Amino acid sequence: MYRILVVDDEQNILELIKYNLEREGYQVILASDGISAVTIAQREKPDLILLDVMLPKLDGLAVCRELRSSEVTRKIPIIMLSARGEELDKVLGLEMGADDYVTKPFSSRELLARIKASLRRQQDDNLSDSISSEDSIVSRGPLLIDQSRFMVTINGQRQDLTPKEFDLLWFLAREPGKVFTRDYLLEKIWGYDYVGDSRTVDVHIRHIRQKFEQITDCPQFIETVRGIGYSFKELQ
């Protein structure tokens, strides 16, 4: 049985989400403020976290950042919840390491679909541990990606990526030169159709590039194909 931590300071929202999740067979853990959310997440290690942005004591963005900086919780899928539909809020959530973002009000069907997609993707990632060492490694020039160890290095220097950043880089690097549309990447990396929400891919690509740009003489691995999507550069 999957365990889901739901974090929201509105009691009626907590009870509604709890009711719908338990109907689907999930075990639900509740938290109503940011500090409690961090403590409970580190203690309980849930399979997924639904995290509201506007929280007392510690806001959701700060909670997300703290969870992603901890070895105990860094790989747990996080879906951000917010009543504010502003683009900036969504971008900030994704840049803090959230895997997905749902704007209130949302339907129970939509939320459950996103939860199932995130859990399915997490399960697929966990199964990668059984892949042989040779099959789980991609080497492209100075870049080395070890899927079984969730590790990325450039010239031997380890790089810290969020789970979705890692998945996206791994997917592109496996087939250098091939162009992937944003919609295709959304389907393959996030697990379902985001209905044109290509901003999610753009934010993650930008974040990967920003991290790599801090490395001296690091090549530009990911190329933008205008009007289409992205491609991993074929290195000589």
Protein backbone atom coordinates (compact mmCIF):
# COMPACT_ATOMS: atom_id res chain seq x y z
CA MET A 1 0.00 0.00 0.00
CA TYR A 2 1.37 3.38 -1.03
CA ARG A 3 1.66 6.02 1.70
CA ILE A 4 1.00 9.64 0.78
CA LEU A 5 1.79 12.68 2.92
CA VAL A 6 -0.75 15.48 2.36
CA VAL A 7 0.33 18.94 3.57
CA ASP A 8 -2.24 21.76 3.68
CA ASP A 9 -3.31 24.27 6.32
CA GLU A 10 -6.99 24.11 5.31
CA GLN A 11 -8.70 21.34 7.26
CA ASN A 12 -11.51 20.86 4.74
CA ILE A 13 -8.95 20.37 1.94
CA LEU A 14 -7.04 17.84 4.03
CA GLU A 15 -10.18 15.85 4.80
CA LEU A 16 -11.40 15.91 1.20
CA ILE A 17 -8.08 14.71 -0.22
CA LYS A 18 -7.77 12.11 2.55
CA TYR A 19 -11.23 10.75 1.78
CA ASN A 20 -10.57 10.43 -1.95
CA LEU A 21 -7.13 8.87 -1.52
CA GLU A 22 -8.32 6.32 1.02
CA ARG A 23 -11.13 5.32 -1.36
CA GLU A 24 -8.40 4.45 -3.87
CA GLY A 25 -6.56 2.32 -1.31
CA TYR A 26 -3.79 4.75 -0.31
CA GLN A 27 -2.61 5.21 3.25
CA VAL A 28 -2.72 8.92 4.11
CA ILE A 29 -0.57 10.93 6.50
CA LEU A 30 -1.55 14.54 7.26
CA ALA A 31 0.39 17.70 8.14
CA SER A 32 -0.90 21.26 8.45
CA ASP A 33 2.30 23.35 8.50
CA GLY A 34 5.69 23.38 6.83
CA ILE A 35 7.84 22.44 9.80
CA SER A 36 5.66 19.43 10.63
CA ALA A 37 5.77 18.42 6.96
CA VAL A 38 9.58 18.24 6.94
CA THR A 39 9.69 16.34 10.24
CA ILE A 40 7.02 13.82 9.21
CA ALA A 41 8.49 13.30 5.74
CA GLN A 42 11.93 12.53 7.14
CA ARG A 43 10.50 10.20 9.77
CA GLU A 44 7.85 8.38 7.72
CA LYS A 45 9.51 8.42 4.26
CA PRO A 46 6.18 8.43 2.33
CA ASP A 47 5.93 7.24 -1.26
CA LEU A 48 4.66 10.64 -2.44
CA ILE A 49 4.02 14.11 -1.01
CA LEU A 50 1.16 16.50 -1.88
CA LEU A 51 2.48 19.88 -0.77
CA ASP A 52 0.55 23.15 -0.60
CA VAL A 53 2.48 26.33 -1.40
CA MET A 54 0.89 28.61 1.20
CA LEU A 55 1.70 27.10 4.61
CA PRO A 56 2.27 28.54 8.09
CA LYS A 57 5.71 28.40 9.80
CA LEU A 58 7.50 27.34 6.58
CA ASP A 59 6.06 27.83 3.11
CA GLY A 60 5.77 25.02 0.60
CA LEU A 61 8.64 26.22 -1.59
CA ALA A 62 11.01 26.21 1.39
CA VAL A 63 9.72 22.78 2.43
CA CYS A 64 10.35 21.44 -1.08
CA ARG A 65 13.86 22.86 -1.12
CA GLU A 66 14.65 21.32 2.27
CA LEU A 67 13.28 17.91 1.30
CA ARG A 68 15.31 17.91 -1.90
CA SER A 69 18.50 18.77 0.02
CA SER A 70 18.14 15.75 2.34
CA GLU A 71 19.41 12.30 1.34
CA VAL A 72 16.44 10.77 3.17
CA THR A 73 13.74 12.56 1.15
CA ARG A 74 15.40 13.84 -2.04
CA LYS A 75 13.93 11.13 -4.32
CA ILE A 76 10.34 11.23 -2.99
CA PRO A 77 7.94 12.54 -5.69
CA ILE A 78 6.47 15.94 -4.75
CA ILE A 79 3.29 17.40 -6.27
CA MET A 80 2.80 21.06 -5.37
CA LEU A 81 -0.72 22.39 -4.69
CA SER A 82 -1.66 26.06 -4.90
CA ALA A 83 -4.75 28.23 -5.18
CA ARG A 84 -2.66 30.71 -7.13
CA GLY A 85 -2.38 29.97 -10.82
CA GLU A 86 0.38 32.46 -11.52
CA GLU A 87 3.15 31.24 -13.81
CA LEU A 88 5.83 32.45 -11.39
CA ASP A 89 4.53 30.23 -8.59
CA LYS A 90 4.63 27.20 -10.85
CA VAL A 91 8.12 27.92 -12.13
CA LEU A 92 9.43 28.46 -8.60
CA GLY A 93 7.89 25.18 -7.46
CA LEU A 94 9.51 23.27 -10.30
CA GLU A 95 12.85 24.97 -9.72
CA MET A 96 12.75 23.98 -6.05
CA GLY A 97 12.53 20.37 -7.22
CA ALA A 98 8.82 19.61 -7.40
CA ASP A 99 7.86 16.91 -9.90
CA ASP A 100 4.44 18.28 -10.71
CA TYR A 101 2.14 21.21 -9.96
CA VAL A 102 -1.65 21.26 -9.57
CA THR A 103 -3.66 24.50 -9.31
CA LYS A 104 -6.68 24.69 -7.01
CA PRO A 105 -9.52 24.11 -7.53
CA PHE A 106 -8.78 20.72 -9.07
CA SER A 107 -10.94 17.69 -9.69
CA SER A 108 -10.34 14.52 -7.70
CA ARG A 109 -9.98 12.66 -10.99
CA GLU A 110 -7.19 14.96 -12.17
CA LEU A 111 -5.33 14.76 -8.87
CA LEU A 112 -5.57 10.97 -8.74
CA ALA A 113 -4.31 10.71 -12.33
CA ARG A 114 -1.25 12.77 -11.50
CA ILE A 115 -0.59 10.80 -8.32
CA LYS A 116 -0.80 7.49 -10.18
CA ALA A 117 1.52 8.78 -12.92
CA SER A 118 4.11 9.95 -10.38
CA LEU A 119 3.99 6.69 -8.43
CA ARG A 120 4.22 4.64 -11.62
CA ARG A 121 7.27 6.60 -12.71
CA GLN A 122 8.85 6.19 -9.29
CA GLN A 123 8.25 2.45 -9.44
CA ASP A 124 9.90 2.29 -12.87
CA ASP A 125 12.91 4.17 -11.47
CA ASN A 126 13.18 1.73 -8.58
CA LEU A 127 13.12 -1.21 -10.98
CA SER A 128 16.19 0.24 -12.67
CA ASP A 129 18.21 -1.02 -9.70
CA SER A 130 17.87 -4.50 -11.17
CA ILE A 131 19.34 -3.44 -14.52
CA SER A 132 22.88 -4.61 -15.19
CA SER A 133 25.60 -2.06 -14.48
CA GLU A 134 26.57 -1.88 -18.14
CA ASP A 135 23.02 -1.19 -19.33
CA SER A 136 22.44 1.48 -16.71
CA ILE A 137 25.40 3.69 -17.71
CA VAL A 138 25.47 6.31 -20.48
CA SER A 139 28.79 7.97 -21.33
CA ARG A 140 28.86 11.02 -23.61
CA GLY A 141 32.18 12.87 -23.74
CA PRO A 142 32.93 14.21 -20.24
CA LEU A 143 29.39 13.30 -19.11
CA LEU A 144 28.69 10.03 -17.29
CA ILE A 145 25.19 9.04 -16.20
CA ASP A 146 24.77 6.02 -13.93
CA GLN A 147 21.06 5.26 -13.65
CA SER A 148 21.40 2.46 -11.11
CA ARG A 149 23.25 4.77 -8.71
CA PHE A 150 21.28 7.93 -9.61
CA MET A 151 24.58 9.66 -10.32
CA VAL A 152 25.72 12.22 -12.89
CA THR A 153 29.36 13.27 -13.24
CA ILE A 154 31.16 15.67 -15.59
CA ASN A 155 34.91 15.19 -15.79
CA GLY A 156 34.57 13.08 -12.65
CA GLN A 157 32.82 15.86 -10.74
CA ARG A 158 29.45 14.79 -9.35
CA GLN A 159 26.41 16.92 -10.23
CA ASP A 160 23.34 17.26 -8.05
CA LEU A 161 20.11 16.88 -10.08
CA THR A 162 16.53 16.50 -8.96
CA PRO A 163 14.81 13.19 -9.87
CA LYS A 164 12.97 14.69 -12.85
CA GLU A 165 16.08 16.53 -14.08
CA PHE A 166 17.96 13.25 -13.92
CA ASP A 167 15.22 11.36 -15.80
CA LEU A 168 15.09 14.03 -18.49
CA LEU A 169 18.85 14.10 -19.01
CA TRP A 170 19.02 10.30 -19.07
CA PHE A 171 16.23 10.06 -21.65
CA LEU A 172 17.82 12.60 -23.99
CA ALA A 173 21.39 11.30 -23.60
CA ARG A 174 20.46 7.75 -24.59
CA GLU A 175 19.77 8.88 -28.16
CA PRO A 176 22.08 11.76 -29.12
CA GLY A 177 21.01 13.68 -32.20
CA LYS A 178 17.38 12.60 -31.98
CA VAL A 179 14.87 15.43 -31.58
CA PHE A 180 12.08 15.01 -29.04
CA THR A 181 9.02 17.24 -28.86
CA ARG A 182 8.02 18.78 -25.55
CA ASP A 183 4.74 16.84 -25.53
CA TYR A 184 6.59 13.56 -26.08
CA LEU A 185 8.99 14.32 -23.23
CA LEU A 186 6.07 15.19 -20.96
CA GLU A 187 4.43 11.87 -21.75
CA LYS A 188 7.59 9.81 -21.26
CA ILE A 189 9.12 11.57 -18.25
CA TRP A 190 6.01 12.66 -16.35
CA GLY A 191 3.88 9.71 -17.37
CA TYR A 192 0.84 11.32 -19.00
CA ASP A 193 -0.38 14.10 -21.26
CA TYR A 194 -0.01 17.54 -19.66
CA VAL A 195 -2.37 19.07 -22.23
CA GLY A 196 0.12 21.50 -23.72
CA ASP A 197 1.85 22.47 -20.48
CA SER A 198 5.27 22.55 -22.13
CA ARG A 199 6.59 25.10 -19.63
CA THR A 200 7.36 22.17 -17.32
CA VAL A 201 9.94 20.76 -19.75
CA ASP A 202 11.45 24.19 -20.44
CA VAL A 203 11.98 24.89 -16.73
CA HIS A 204 13.72 21.57 -16.14
CA ILE A 205 15.96 21.97 -19.20
CA ARG A 206 16.92 25.48 -18.10
CA HIS A 207 17.73 24.25 -14.61
CA ILE A 208 19.98 21.46 -15.96
CA ARG A 209 21.79 23.97 -18.18
CA GLN A 210 22.29 26.41 -15.32
CA LYS A 211 23.90 23.73 -13.19
CA PHE A 212 26.20 22.60 -16.00
CA GLU A 213 27.16 26.18 -16.90
CA GLN A 214 28.87 26.49 -13.53
CA ILE A 215 31.43 23.90 -14.66
CA THR A 216 34.51 25.21 -16.47
CA ASP A 217 34.73 24.22 -20.16
CA CYS A 218 31.52 22.17 -19.94
CA PRO A 219 29.99 21.63 -23.39
CA GLN A 220 26.38 22.54 -24.10
CA PHE A 221 24.87 19.05 -24.02
CA ILE A 222 21.22 19.89 -24.72
CA GLU A 223 20.24 21.76 -27.86
CA THR A 224 16.97 23.62 -28.42
CA VAL A 225 15.28 22.83 -31.72
CA ARG A 226 13.18 25.92 -32.36
CA GLY A 227 9.46 25.24 -32.59
CA ILE A 228 9.89 21.52 -31.87
CA GLY A 229 11.68 20.56 -28.68
CA TYR A 230 15.10 19.37 -27.55
CA SER A 231 17.97 17.13 -28.60
CA PHE A 232 21.10 15.84 -26.93
CA LYS A 233 24.10 17.10 -28.89
CA GLU A 234 26.16 14.53 -30.77
CA LEU A 235 29.66 15.04 -29.30
CA GLN A 236 32.72 14.47 -31.47
